[in-house]
PDB file of N, CA and C in Angstrom:
ATOM      1  N   MET A   1      56.080  16.829 -24.986  1.00  0.00           N
ATOM      2  CA  MET A   1      56.430  15.518 -24.438  1.00  0.00           C
ATOM      3  C   MET A   1      56.460  15.561 -22.906  1.00  0.00           C
ATOM      4  N   MET A   2      57.136  16.573 -22.351  1.00  0.00           N
ATOM      5  CA  MET A   2      57.231  16.667 -20.885  1.00  0.00           C
ATOM      6  C   MET A   2      55.858  16.913 -20.253  1.00  0.00           C
ATOM      7  N   LYS A   3      55.031  17.707 -20.975  1.00  0.00           N
ATOM      8  CA  LYS A   3      53.692  17.995 -20.449  1.00  0.00           C
ATOM      9  C   LYS A   3      52.862  16.702 -20.387  1.00  0.00           C
ATOM     10  N   THR A   4      53.007  15.844 -21.397  1.00  0.00           N
ATOM     11  CA  THR A   4      52.283  14.569 -21.419  1.00  0.00           C
ATOM     12  C   THR A   4      52.722  13.687 -20.260  1.00  0.00           C
ATOM     13  N   ILE A   5      54.023  13.637 -20.025  1.00  0.00           N
ATOM     14  CA  ILE A   5      54.551  12.822 -18.918  1.00  0.00           C
ATOM     15  C   ILE A   5      54.036  13.371 -17.588  1.00  0.00           C
ATOM     16  N   LYS A   6      54.039  14.690 -17.462  1.00  0.00           N
ATOM     17  CA  LYS A   6      53.569  15.318 -16.222  1.00  0.00           C
ATOM     18  C   LYS A   6      52.079  15.014 -15.995  1.00  0.00           C
ATOM     19  N   ASN A   7      51.277  15.161 -17.049  1.00  0.00           N
ATOM     20  CA  ASN A   7      49.837  14.878 -16.933  1.00  0.00           C
ATOM     21  C   ASN A   7      49.598  13.418 -16.598  1.00  0.00           C
ATOM     22  N   THR A   8      50.353  12.516 -17.214  1.00  0.00           N
ATOM     23  CA  THR A   8      50.218  11.085 -16.941  1.00  0.00           C
ATOM     24  C   THR A   8      50.567  10.801 -15.490  1.00  0.00           C
ATOM     25  N   SER A   9      51.632  11.422 -15.005  1.00  0.00           N
ATOM     26  CA  SER A   9      52.046  11.233 -13.607  1.00  0.00           C
ATOM     27  C   SER A   9      50.969  11.728 -12.655  1.00  0.00           C
ATOM     28  N   ILE A  10      50.402  12.897 -12.952  1.00  0.00           N
ATOM     29  CA  ILE A  10      49.350  13.456 -12.100  1.00  0.00           C
ATOM     30  C   ILE A  10      48.128  12.537 -12.103  1.00  0.00           C
ATOM     31  N   ASN A  11      47.766  12.031 -13.292  1.00  0.00           N
ATOM     32  CA  ASN A  11      46.623  11.128 -13.387  1.00  0.00           C
ATOM     33  C   ASN A  11      46.861   9.862 -12.575  1.00  0.00           C
ATOM     34  N   LEU A  12      48.053   9.302 -12.658  1.00  0.00           N
ATOM     35  CA  LEU A  12      48.368   8.085 -11.906  1.00  0.00           C
ATOM     36  C   LEU A  12      48.316   8.347 -10.401  1.00  0.00           C
ATOM     37  N   LEU A  13      48.864   9.477  -9.980  1.00  0.00           N
ATOM     38  CA  LEU A  13      48.837   9.810  -8.553  1.00  0.00           C
ATOM     39  C   LEU A  13      47.394   9.980  -8.066  1.00  0.00           C
ATOM     40  N   ASN A  14      46.565  10.600  -8.895  1.00  0.00           N
ATOM     41  CA  ASN A  14      45.151  10.758  -8.526  1.00  0.00           C
ATOM     42  C   ASN A  14      44.461   9.406  -8.409  1.00  0.00           C
ATOM     43  N   GLN A  15      44.737   8.506  -9.344  1.00  0.00           N
ATOM     44  CA  GLN A  15      44.139   7.172  -9.298  1.00  0.00           C
ATOM     45  C   GLN A  15      44.573   6.419  -8.048  1.00  0.00           C
ATOM     46  N   ILE A  16      45.842   6.544  -7.691  1.00  0.00           N
ATOM     47  CA  ILE A  16      46.356   5.872  -6.487  1.00  0.00           C
ATOM     48  C   ILE A  16      45.655   6.429  -5.246  1.00  0.00           C
ATOM     49  N   ALA A  17      45.519   7.759  -5.194  1.00  0.00           N
ATOM     50  CA  ALA A  17      44.870   8.397  -4.041  1.00  0.00           C
ATOM     51  C   ALA A  17      43.422   7.932  -3.925  1.00  0.00           C
ATOM     52  N   VAL A  18      42.704   7.879  -5.057  1.00  0.00           N
ATOM     53  CA  VAL A  18      41.302   7.459  -5.043  1.00  0.00           C
ATOM     54  C   VAL A  18      41.199   6.003  -4.607  1.00  0.00           C
ATOM     55  N   SER A  19      42.053   5.137  -5.161  1.00  0.00           N
ATOM     56  CA  SER A  19      41.958   3.713  -4.804  1.00  0.00           C
ATOM     57  C   SER A  19      42.315   3.498  -3.333  1.00  0.00           C
ATOM     58  N   LYS A  20      43.273   4.266  -2.821  1.00  0.00           N
ATOM     59  CA  LYS A  20      43.638   4.150  -1.403  1.00  0.00           C
ATOM     60  C   LYS A  20      42.468   4.588  -0.523  1.00  0.00           C
ATOM     61  N   HIS A  21      41.812   5.669  -0.931  1.00  0.00           N
ATOM     62  CA  HIS A  21      40.652   6.162  -0.178  1.00  0.00           C
ATOM     63  C   HIS A  21      39.529   5.118  -0.193  1.00  0.00           C
ATOM     64  N   GLU A  22      39.269   4.529  -1.356  1.00  0.00           N
ATOM     65  CA  GLU A  22      38.230   3.497  -1.473  1.00  0.00           C
ATOM     66  C   GLU A  22      38.561   2.298  -0.580  1.00  0.00           C
ATOM     67  N   LYS A  23      39.826   1.911  -0.570  1.00  0.00           N
ATOM     68  CA  LYS A  23      40.250   0.767   0.251  1.00  0.00           C
ATOM     69  C   LYS A  23      40.023   1.064   1.733  1.00  0.00           C
ATOM     70  N   GLU A  24      40.388   2.272   2.164  1.00  0.00           N
ATOM     71  CA  GLU A  24      40.199   2.647   3.572  1.00  0.00           C
ATOM     72  C   GLU A  24      38.723   2.706   3.937  1.00  0.00           C
ATOM     73  N   LYS A  25      37.908   3.227   3.004  1.00  0.00           N
ATOM     74  CA  LYS A  25      36.470   3.308   3.238  1.00  0.00           C
ATOM     75  C   LYS A  25      35.890   1.893   3.372  1.00  0.00           C
ATOM     76  N   HIS A  26      36.325   1.009   2.496  1.00  0.00           N
ATOM     77  CA  HIS A  26      35.882  -0.383   2.488  1.00  0.00           C
ATOM     78  C   HIS A  26      36.280  -1.064   3.805  1.00  0.00           C
ATOM     79  N   HIS A  27      37.530  -0.840   4.226  1.00  0.00           N
ATOM     80  CA  HIS A  27      38.030  -1.438   5.463  1.00  0.00           C
ATOM     81  C   HIS A  27      37.236  -0.932   6.666  1.00  0.00           C
ATOM     82  N   ALA A  28      36.977   0.368   6.691  1.00  0.00           N
ATOM     83  CA  ALA A  28      36.226   0.957   7.810  1.00  0.00           C
ATOM     84  C   ALA A  28      34.816   0.365   7.868  1.00  0.00           C
ATOM     85  N   LYS A  29      34.220   0.195   6.693  1.00  0.00           N
ATOM     86  CA  LYS A  29      32.858  -0.359   6.640  1.00  0.00           C
ATOM     87  C   LYS A  29      32.844  -1.767   7.227  1.00  0.00           C
ATOM     88  N   PHE A  30      33.805  -2.599   6.833  1.00  0.00           N
ATOM     89  CA  PHE A  30      33.838  -3.971   7.336  1.00  0.00           C
ATOM     90  C   PHE A  30      34.271  -4.027   8.788  1.00  0.00           C
ATOM     91  N   SER A  31      35.133  -3.119   9.184  1.00  0.00           N
ATOM     92  CA  SER A  31      35.562  -3.073  10.578  1.00  0.00           C
ATOM     93  C   SER A  31      34.364  -2.768  11.473  1.00  0.00           C
ATOM     94  N   ASN A  32      33.550  -1.783  11.078  1.00  0.00           N
ATOM     95  CA  ASN A  32      32.354  -1.447  11.862  1.00  0.00           C
ATOM     96  C   ASN A  32      31.362  -2.596  11.856  1.00  0.00           C
ATOM     97  N   LEU A  33      31.229  -3.244  10.706  1.00  0.00           N
ATOM     98  CA  LEU A  33      30.316  -4.378  10.592  1.00  0.00           C
ATOM     99  C   LEU A  33      30.746  -5.487  11.554  1.00  0.00           C
ATOM    100  N   ASN A  34      32.056  -5.771  11.573  1.00  0.00           N
ATOM    101  CA  ASN A  34      32.565  -6.819  12.459  1.00  0.00           C
ATOM    102  C   ASN A  34      32.331  -6.465  13.922  1.00  0.00           C
ATOM    103  N   LYS A  35      32.556  -5.203  14.272  1.00  0.00           N
ATOM    104  CA  LYS A  35      32.344  -4.785  15.663  1.00  0.00           C
ATOM    105  C   LYS A  35      30.894  -4.973  16.070  1.00  0.00           C
ATOM    106  N   SER A  36      29.972  -4.596  15.183  1.00  0.00           N
ATOM    107  CA  SER A  36      28.557  -4.740  15.545  1.00  0.00           C
ATOM    108  C   SER A  36      28.164  -6.210  15.585  1.00  0.00           C
ATOM    109  N   THR A  37      28.727  -7.015  14.694  1.00  0.00           N
ATOM    110  CA  THR A  37      28.430  -8.453  14.693  1.00  0.00           C
ATOM    111  C   THR A  37      28.909  -9.088  15.989  1.00  0.00           C
ATOM    112  N   ILE A  38      30.115  -8.728  16.412  1.00  0.00           N
ATOM    113  CA  ILE A  38      30.668  -9.267  17.663  1.00  0.00           C
ATOM    114  C   ILE A  38      29.788  -8.833  18.835  1.00  0.00           C
ATOM    115  N   ALA A  39      29.371  -7.576  18.828  1.00  0.00           N
ATOM    116  CA  ALA A  39      28.508  -7.083  19.909  1.00  0.00           C
ATOM    117  C   ALA A  39      27.192  -7.850  19.934  1.00  0.00           C
ATOM    118  N   ASN A  40      26.617  -8.094  18.749  1.00  0.00           N
ATOM    119  CA  ASN A  40      25.351  -8.839  18.690  1.00  0.00           C
ATOM    120  C   ASN A  40      25.523 -10.259  19.195  1.00  0.00           C
ATOM    121  N   HIS A  41      26.622 -10.904  18.824  1.00  0.00           N
ATOM    122  CA  HIS A  41      26.864 -12.267  19.295  1.00  0.00           C
ATOM    123  C   HIS A  41      27.044 -12.287  20.805  1.00  0.00           C
ATOM    124  N   LYS A  42      27.709 -11.262  21.324  1.00  0.00           N
ATOM    125  CA  LYS A  42      27.920 -11.193  22.768  1.00  0.00           C
ATOM    126  C   LYS A  42      26.584 -11.048  23.493  1.00  0.00           C
ATOM    127  N   ILE A  43      25.697 -10.216  22.938  1.00  0.00           N
ATOM    128  CA  ILE A  43      24.368 -10.041  23.537  1.00  0.00           C
ATOM    129  C   ILE A  43      23.610 -11.370  23.490  1.00  0.00           C
ATOM    130  N   ASP A  44      23.666 -12.049  22.330  1.00  0.00           N
ATOM    131  CA  ASP A  44      22.997 -13.350  22.196  1.00  0.00           C
ATOM    132  C   ASP A  44      23.545 -14.344  23.212  1.00  0.00           C
ATOM    133  N   TYR A  45      24.861 -14.345  23.387  1.00  0.00           N
ATOM    134  CA  TYR A  45      25.513 -15.269  24.322  1.00  0.00           C
ATOM    135  C   TYR A  45      25.064 -14.977  25.757  1.00  0.00           C
ATOM    136  N   GLU A  46      25.035 -13.695  26.117  1.00  0.00           N
ATOM    137  CA  GLU A  46      24.621 -13.315  27.474  1.00  0.00           C
ATOM    138  C   GLU A  46      23.167 -13.730  27.731  1.00  0.00           C
ATOM    139  N   LYS A  47      22.316 -13.535  26.734  1.00  0.00           N
ATOM    140  CA  LYS A  47      20.905 -13.915  26.874  1.00  0.00           C
ATOM    141  C   LYS A  47      20.795 -15.433  27.020  1.00  0.00           C
ATOM    142  N   MET A  48      21.565 -16.152  26.223  1.00  0.00           N
ATOM    143  CA  MET A  48      21.532 -17.613  26.283  1.00  0.00           C
ATOM    144  C   MET A  48      21.979 -18.100  27.669  1.00  0.00           C
ATOM    145  N   LYS A  49      23.034 -17.471  28.196  1.00  0.00           N
ATOM    146  CA  LYS A  49      23.522 -17.832  29.529  1.00  0.00           C
ATOM    147  C   LYS A  49      22.448 -17.577  30.585  1.00  0.00           C
ATOM    148  N   SER A  50      21.791 -16.428  30.454  1.00  0.00           N
ATOM    149  CA  SER A  50      20.735 -16.062  31.397  1.00  0.00           C
ATOM    150  C   SER A  50      19.572 -17.052  31.306  1.00  0.00           C
ATOM    151  N   ASP A  51      19.165 -17.370  30.078  1.00  0.00           N
ATOM    152  CA  ASP A  51      18.073 -18.338  29.885  1.00  0.00           C
ATOM    153  C   ASP A  51      18.449 -19.701  30.462  1.00  0.00           C
ATOM    154  N   ASN A  52      19.699 -20.071  30.278  1.00  0.00           N
ATOM    155  CA  ASN A  52      20.187 -21.361  30.780  1.00  0.00           C
ATOM    156  C   ASN A  52      20.093 -21.400  32.310  1.00  0.00           C
ATOM    157  N   LYS A  53      20.498 -20.314  32.958  1.00  0.00           N
ATOM    158  CA  LYS A  53      20.420 -20.263  34.430  1.00  0.00           C
ATOM    159  C   LYS A  53      18.977 -20.352  34.907  1.00  0.00           C
ATOM    160  N   LYS A  54      18.076 -19.651  34.199  1.00  0.00           N
ATOM    161  CA  LYS A  54      16.655 -19.701  34.570  1.00  0.00           C
ATOM    162  C   LYS A  54      16.129 -21.128  34.439  1.00  0.00           C
ATOM    163  N   MET A  55      16.512 -21.780  33.362  1.00  0.00           N
ATOM    164  CA  MET A  55      16.061 -23.148  33.121  1.00  0.00           C
ATOM    165  C   MET A  55      16.590 -24.071  34.222  1.00  0.00           C
ATOM    166  N   GLN A  56      17.857 -23.931  34.574  1.00  0.00           N
ATOM    167  CA  GLN A  56      18.427 -24.760  35.646  1.00  0.00           C
ATOM    168  C   GLN A  56      17.691 -24.527  36.963  1.00  0.00           C
ATOM    169  N   HIS A  57      17.351 -23.270  37.221  1.00  0.00           N
ATOM    170  CA  HIS A  57      16.632 -22.941  38.446  1.00  0.00           C
ATOM    171  C   HIS A  57      15.257 -23.617  38.461  1.00  0.00           C
ATOM    172  N   ARG A  58      14.552 -23.549  37.317  1.00  0.00           N
ATOM    173  CA  ARG A  58      13.231 -24.187  37.218  1.00  0.00           C
ATOM    174  C   ARG A  58      13.329 -25.693  37.447  1.00  0.00           C
ATOM    175  N   ILE A  59      14.355 -26.305  36.853  1.00  0.00           N
ATOM    176  CA  ILE A  59      14.530 -27.763  37.004  1.00  0.00           C
ATOM    177  C   ILE A  59      14.783 -28.110  38.469  1.00  0.00           C
ATOM    178  N   ARG A  60      15.631 -27.333  39.140  1.00  0.00           N
ATOM    179  CA  ARG A  60      15.905 -27.586  40.568  1.00  0.00           C
ATOM    180  C   ARG A  60      14.633 -27.450  41.403  1.00  0.00           C
ATOM    181  N   GLU A  61      13.836 -26.412  41.102  1.00  0.00           N
ATOM    182  CA  GLU A  61      12.581 -26.207  41.837  1.00  0.00           C
ATOM    183  C   GLU A  61      11.639 -27.391  41.631  1.00  0.00           C
ATOM    184  N   GLN A  62      11.543 -27.860  40.395  1.00  0.00           N
ATOM    185  CA  GLN A  62      10.664 -29.002  40.114  1.00  0.00           C
ATOM    186  C   GLN A  62      11.150 -30.249  40.835  1.00  0.00           C
ATOM    187  N   MET A  63      12.466 -30.431  40.873  1.00  0.00           N
ATOM    188  CA  MET A  63      13.010 -31.620  41.534  1.00  0.00           C
ATOM    189  C   MET A  63      12.742 -31.579  43.038  1.00  0.00           C
ATOM    190  N   LYS A  64      12.774 -30.389  43.622  1.00  0.00           N
ATOM    191  CA  LYS A  64      12.489 -30.257  45.054  1.00  0.00           C
ATOM    192  C   LYS A  64      11.058 -30.675  45.346  1.00  0.00           C
ATOM    193  N   HIS A  65      10.142 -30.303  44.460  1.00  0.00           N
ATOM    194  CA  HIS A  65       8.721 -30.595  44.694  1.00  0.00           C
ATOM    195  C   HIS A  65       8.351 -32.032  44.388  1.00  0.00           C
ATOM    196  N   ASN A  66       9.189 -32.719  43.614  1.00  0.00           N
ATOM    197  CA  ASN A  66       8.847 -34.119  43.259  1.00  0.00           C
ATOM    198  C   ASN A  66       9.315 -35.089  44.279  1.00  0.00           C
TER     199      ASN A  66
END
């Protein structure tokens, strides 16, 4: 009887450890994904800002010549 309880306890502890590890792995995966997504959006934003400035410059140049 005691051996069964001990084995059951060990099995439960192992399951908890595995599920905790899976949760941490899952969290790390999404955390890295979010970081790269934010970085990509920042790059897109910087490019958009740069393109916008170029466009404004072109418009000003055209207005000077007209």
